[in-house]
Amino acid sequence: MRTRTTTTAGILAALAITLTACSSTEEPATVDQSSQPPALSDADKAKIREDLGYPPKPDAATADAFIKALNAIDTDIVHGKDEKALSRGADTCRMINDHPERAKQIEQTNKRWTSPTHPDGHGLATAEKILDAAHKHLCPDF
């Protein structure tokens, strides 16, 4: 019991010192901008996507066509989250690139494309349509 009290007292003392040091009115040190990594250009980001096996970022028309294709299958696939659907589409394309077996692609698509009303996926038939939409609109060269 004595050890526990001593340990607790020591922790409280350290906390009090830390809080006192944090409440200082001194100005925080400025960050040396020269030590910050340089910002990535769009070309650098595109190269990284390519190196990781993702398709190029879609332009607005391509993204819109993909979202419309998904909504034509079932509006619950996108369920109002266009950016999330585009991200999942890019992941689907990478999976196409990584797994050439069609049955595996459909299975993985079904697992990836869930929604609040379909937490276990939309089923294999719908997953195949989603897979085809991603392939057609986001990564036709895969």
C-alpha atoms as a PDB file:
ATOM      1  CA  MET A   1       0.000   0.000   0.000  1.00  0.00           C
ATOM      2  CA  ARG A   2       2.820   2.388   0.856  1.00  0.00           C
ATOM      3  CA  THR A   3       4.448   1.855  -2.569  1.00  0.00           C
ATOM      4  CA  ARG A   4       1.207   2.605  -4.352  1.00  0.00           C
ATOM      5  CA  THR A   5       0.764   5.842  -2.378  1.00  0.00           C
ATOM      6  CA  THR A   6       4.340   6.885  -3.098  1.00  0.00           C
ATOM      7  CA  THR A   7       3.956   6.120  -6.788  1.00  0.00           C
ATOM      8  CA  THR A   8       0.718   8.058  -6.991  1.00  0.00           C
ATOM      9  CA  ALA A   9       2.266  10.972  -5.131  1.00  0.00           C
ATOM     10  CA  GLY A  10       5.235  10.942  -7.512  1.00  0.00           C
ATOM     11  CA  ILE A  11       2.958  10.940 -10.555  1.00  0.00           C
ATOM     12  CA  LEU A  12       0.900  13.799  -9.142  1.00  0.00           C
ATOM     13  CA  ALA A  13       4.065  15.814  -8.444  1.00  0.00           C
ATOM     14  CA  ALA A  14       5.324  15.253 -12.004  1.00  0.00           C
ATOM     15  CA  LEU A  15       1.920  16.226 -13.378  1.00  0.00           C
ATOM     16  CA  ALA A  16       1.893  19.428 -11.314  1.00  0.00           C
ATOM     17  CA  ILE A  17       5.349  20.372 -12.620  1.00  0.00           C
ATOM     18  CA  THR A  18       4.283  19.676 -16.190  1.00  0.00           C
ATOM     19  CA  LEU A  19       1.090  21.704 -15.861  1.00  0.00           C
ATOM     20  CA  THR A  20       3.002  24.599 -14.314  1.00  0.00           C
ATOM     21  CA  ALA A  21       5.465  24.557 -17.196  1.00  0.00           C
ATOM     22  CA  CYS A  22       2.616  24.463 -19.721  1.00  0.00           C
ATOM     23  CA  SER A  23       0.887  27.468 -18.219  1.00  0.00           C
ATOM     24  CA  SER A  24       3.799  29.755 -18.998  1.00  0.00           C
ATOM     25  CA  THR A  25       2.935  33.019 -20.740  1.00  0.00           C
ATOM     26  CA  GLU A  26       6.010  32.841 -22.950  1.00  0.00           C
ATOM     27  CA  GLU A  27       5.479  32.788 -26.709  1.00  0.00           C
ATOM     28  CA  PRO A  28       5.864  29.333 -28.250  1.00  0.00           C
ATOM     29  CA  ALA A  29       8.955  28.745 -30.309  1.00  0.00           C
ATOM     30  CA  THR A  30       8.454  29.267 -34.021  1.00  0.00           C
ATOM     31  CA  VAL A  31       8.904  26.354 -36.346  1.00  0.00           C
ATOM     32  CA  ASP A  32      11.877  26.548 -38.641  1.00  0.00           C
ATOM     33  CA  GLN A  33      10.273  26.318 -42.096  1.00  0.00           C
ATOM     34  CA  SER A  34      13.520  25.120 -43.648  1.00  0.00           C
ATOM     35  CA  SER A  35      13.212  21.883 -41.679  1.00  0.00           C
ATOM     36  CA  GLN A  36       9.750  21.156 -43.110  1.00  0.00           C
ATOM     37  CA  PRO A  37       9.568  18.657 -45.975  1.00  0.00           C
ATOM     38  CA  PRO A  38       8.767  20.231 -49.331  1.00  0.00           C
ATOM     39  CA  ALA A  39       5.171  20.057 -50.534  1.00  0.00           C
ATOM     40  CA  LEU A  40       4.439  17.408 -53.148  1.00  0.00           C
ATOM     41  CA  SER A  41       3.489  18.540 -56.621  1.00  0.00           C
ATOM     42  CA  ASP A  42       0.520  17.049 -58.466  1.00  0.00           C
ATOM     43  CA  ALA A  43       2.973  15.176 -60.692  1.00  0.00           C
ATOM     44  CA  ASP A  44       4.686  13.709 -57.604  1.00  0.00           C
ATOM     45  CA  LYS A  45       1.325  12.609 -56.196  1.00  0.00           C
ATOM     46  CA  ALA A  46       0.357  11.019 -59.522  1.00  0.00           C
ATOM     47  CA  LYS A  47       3.658   9.124 -59.631  1.00  0.00           C
ATOM     48  CA  ILE A  48       3.144   7.840 -56.095  1.00  0.00           C
ATOM     49  CA  ARG A  49      -0.385   6.652 -56.989  1.00  0.00           C
ATOM     50  CA  GLU A  50       0.990   4.863 -60.032  1.00  0.00           C
ATOM     51  CA  ASP A  51       3.849   3.278 -58.074  1.00  0.00           C
ATOM     52  CA  LEU A  52       1.359   1.967 -55.500  1.00  0.00           C
ATOM     53  CA  GLY A  53      -0.811   0.399 -58.208  1.00  0.00           C
ATOM     54  CA  TYR A  54      -3.645   2.925 -58.202  1.00  0.00           C
ATOM     55  CA  PRO A  55      -5.180   4.479 -61.315  1.00  0.00           C
ATOM     56  CA  PRO A  56      -4.700   8.186 -62.012  1.00  0.00           C
ATOM     57  CA  LYS A  57      -7.010  10.494 -60.090  1.00  0.00           C
ATOM     58  CA  PRO A  58     -10.148  10.845 -62.223  1.00  0.00           C
ATOM     59  CA  ASP A  59     -11.147  14.175 -63.715  1.00  0.00           C
ATOM     60  CA  ALA A  60     -14.566  15.587 -62.795  1.00  0.00           C
ATOM     61  CA  ALA A  61     -16.362  14.074 -65.797  1.00  0.00           C
ATOM     62  CA  THR A  62     -14.925  10.608 -65.154  1.00  0.00           C
ATOM     63  CA  ALA A  63     -15.731  10.787 -61.448  1.00  0.00           C
ATOM     64  CA  ASP A  64     -19.280  11.892 -62.232  1.00  0.00           C
ATOM     65  CA  ALA A  65     -19.750   9.050 -64.739  1.00  0.00           C
ATOM     66  CA  PHE A  66     -18.536   6.520 -62.162  1.00  0.00           C
ATOM     67  CA  ILE A  67     -20.886   7.828 -59.452  1.00  0.00           C
ATOM     68  CA  LYS A  68     -23.805   7.793 -61.932  1.00  0.00           C
ATOM     69  CA  ALA A  69     -22.973   4.207 -62.912  1.00  0.00           C
ATOM     70  CA  LEU A  70     -22.981   3.131 -59.266  1.00  0.00           C
ATOM     71  CA  ASN A  71     -26.252   4.938 -58.562  1.00  0.00           C
ATOM     72  CA  ALA A  72     -27.797   3.236 -61.604  1.00  0.00           C
ATOM     73  CA  ILE A  73     -26.939  -0.117 -60.008  1.00  0.00           C
ATOM     74  CA  ASP A  74     -28.290   0.866 -56.568  1.00  0.00           C
ATOM     75  CA  THR A  75     -28.352   4.287 -54.892  1.00  0.00           C
ATOM     76  CA  ASP A  76     -27.412   2.641 -51.585  1.00  0.00           C
ATOM     77  CA  ILE A  77     -23.947   1.834 -52.959  1.00  0.00           C
ATOM     78  CA  VAL A  78     -22.828   5.475 -52.873  1.00  0.00           C
ATOM     79  CA  HIS A  79     -25.460   6.579 -50.312  1.00  0.00           C
ATOM     80  CA  GLY A  80     -24.532  10.235 -50.792  1.00  0.00           C
ATOM     81  CA  LYS A  81     -20.803   9.795 -50.117  1.00  0.00           C
ATOM     82  CA  ASP A  82     -19.221  10.486 -53.495  1.00  0.00           C
ATOM     83  CA  GLU A  83     -15.646  10.946 -52.225  1.00  0.00           C
ATOM     84  CA  LYS A  84     -15.809   7.708 -50.268  1.00  0.00           C
ATOM     85  CA  ALA A  85     -17.110   5.908 -53.372  1.00  0.00           C
ATOM     86  CA  LEU A  86     -14.266   7.333 -55.474  1.00  0.00           C
ATOM     87  CA  SER A  87     -11.741   6.185 -52.883  1.00  0.00           C
ATOM     88  CA  ARG A  88     -13.265   2.712 -52.813  1.00  0.00           C
ATOM     89  CA  GLY A  89     -13.229   2.716 -56.601  1.00  0.00           C
ATOM     90  CA  ALA A  90      -9.501   3.439 -56.628  1.00  0.00           C
ATOM     91  CA  ASP A  91      -8.982   0.628 -54.109  1.00  0.00           C
ATOM     92  CA  THR A  92     -11.038  -1.668 -56.335  1.00  0.00           C
ATOM     93  CA  CYS A  93      -8.790  -0.818 -59.272  1.00  0.00           C
ATOM     94  CA  ARG A  94      -5.705  -1.612 -57.246  1.00  0.00           C
ATOM     95  CA  MET A  95      -7.264  -4.922 -56.273  1.00  0.00           C
ATOM     96  CA  ILE A  96      -7.925  -5.653 -59.972  1.00  0.00           C
ATOM     97  CA  ASN A  97      -4.249  -4.980 -60.582  1.00  0.00           C
ATOM     98  CA  ASP A  98      -3.140  -7.184 -57.670  1.00  0.00           C
ATOM     99  CA  HIS A  99      -5.542 -10.125 -58.130  1.00  0.00           C
ATOM    100  CA  PRO A 100      -6.113 -11.236 -61.728  1.00  0.00           C
ATOM    101  CA  GLU A 101      -8.582 -13.969 -60.700  1.00  0.00           C
ATOM    102  CA  ARG A 102     -12.112 -12.674 -61.447  1.00  0.00           C
ATOM    103  CA  ALA A 103     -13.832 -14.648 -58.654  1.00  0.00           C
ATOM    104  CA  LYS A 104     -11.410 -13.171 -56.090  1.00  0.00           C
ATOM    105  CA  GLN A 105     -12.057  -9.672 -57.473  1.00  0.00           C
ATOM    106  CA  ILE A 106     -15.816 -10.081 -57.076  1.00  0.00           C
ATOM    107  CA  GLU A 107     -15.452 -11.485 -53.564  1.00  0.00           C
ATOM    108  CA  GLN A 108     -13.177  -8.630 -52.481  1.00  0.00           C
ATOM    109  CA  THR A 109     -15.446  -6.032 -54.092  1.00  0.00           C
ATOM    110  CA  ASN A 110     -18.398  -7.396 -52.123  1.00  0.00           C
ATOM    111  CA  LYS A 111     -16.408  -7.112 -48.880  1.00  0.00           C
ATOM    112  CA  ARG A 112     -15.169  -3.600 -49.629  1.00  0.00           C
ATOM    113  CA  TRP A 113     -18.419  -2.037 -50.827  1.00  0.00           C
ATOM    114  CA  THR A 114     -20.622  -1.953 -47.755  1.00  0.00           C
ATOM    115  CA  SER A 115     -23.184   0.584 -46.612  1.00  0.00           C
ATOM    116  CA  PRO A 116     -25.195   1.209 -43.452  1.00  0.00           C
ATOM    117  CA  THR A 117     -28.040  -0.939 -44.802  1.00  0.00           C
ATOM    118  CA  HIS A 118     -25.683  -3.559 -46.282  1.00  0.00           C
ATOM    119  CA  PRO A 119     -22.908  -3.997 -43.683  1.00  0.00           C
ATOM    120  CA  ASP A 120     -21.868  -7.342 -45.197  1.00  0.00           C
ATOM    121  CA  GLY A 121     -21.820  -6.123 -48.801  1.00  0.00           C
ATOM    122  CA  HIS A 122     -24.459  -5.966 -51.513  1.00  0.00           C
ATOM    123  CA  GLY A 123     -24.070  -9.550 -52.697  1.00  0.00           C
ATOM    124  CA  LEU A 124     -21.911 -11.088 -55.396  1.00  0.00           C
ATOM    125  CA  ALA A 125     -24.151 -10.117 -58.338  1.00  0.00           C
ATOM    126  CA  THR A 126     -24.085  -6.439 -57.336  1.00  0.00           C
ATOM    127  CA  ALA A 127     -20.383  -6.653 -56.483  1.00  0.00           C
ATOM    128  CA  GLU A 128     -19.684  -7.821 -60.026  1.00  0.00           C
ATOM    129  CA  LYS A 129     -21.534  -4.789 -61.413  1.00  0.00           C
ATOM    130  CA  ILE A 130     -19.580  -2.473 -59.093  1.00  0.00           C
ATOM    131  CA  LEU A 131     -16.338  -4.117 -60.182  1.00  0.00           C
ATOM    132  CA  ASP A 132     -17.247  -3.636 -63.851  1.00  0.00           C
ATOM    133  CA  ALA A 133     -18.160   0.025 -63.263  1.00  0.00           C
ATOM    134  CA  ALA A 134     -14.834   0.713 -61.537  1.00  0.00           C
ATOM    135  CA  HIS A 135     -12.929  -1.069 -64.298  1.00  0.00           C
ATOM    136  CA  LYS A 136     -14.805   0.771 -67.060  1.00  0.00           C
ATOM    137  CA  HIS A 137     -14.673   4.268 -65.593  1.00  0.00           C
ATOM    138  CA  LEU A 138     -11.628   4.453 -63.329  1.00  0.00           C
ATOM    139  CA  CYS A 139      -9.099   1.954 -64.620  1.00  0.00           C
ATOM    140  CA  PRO A 140      -9.867   0.686 -68.131  1.00  0.00           C
ATOM    141  CA  ASP A 141      -6.152  -0.010 -68.711  1.00  0.00           C
ATOM    142  CA  PHE A 142      -5.905  -2.461 -65.823  1.00  0.00           C
END
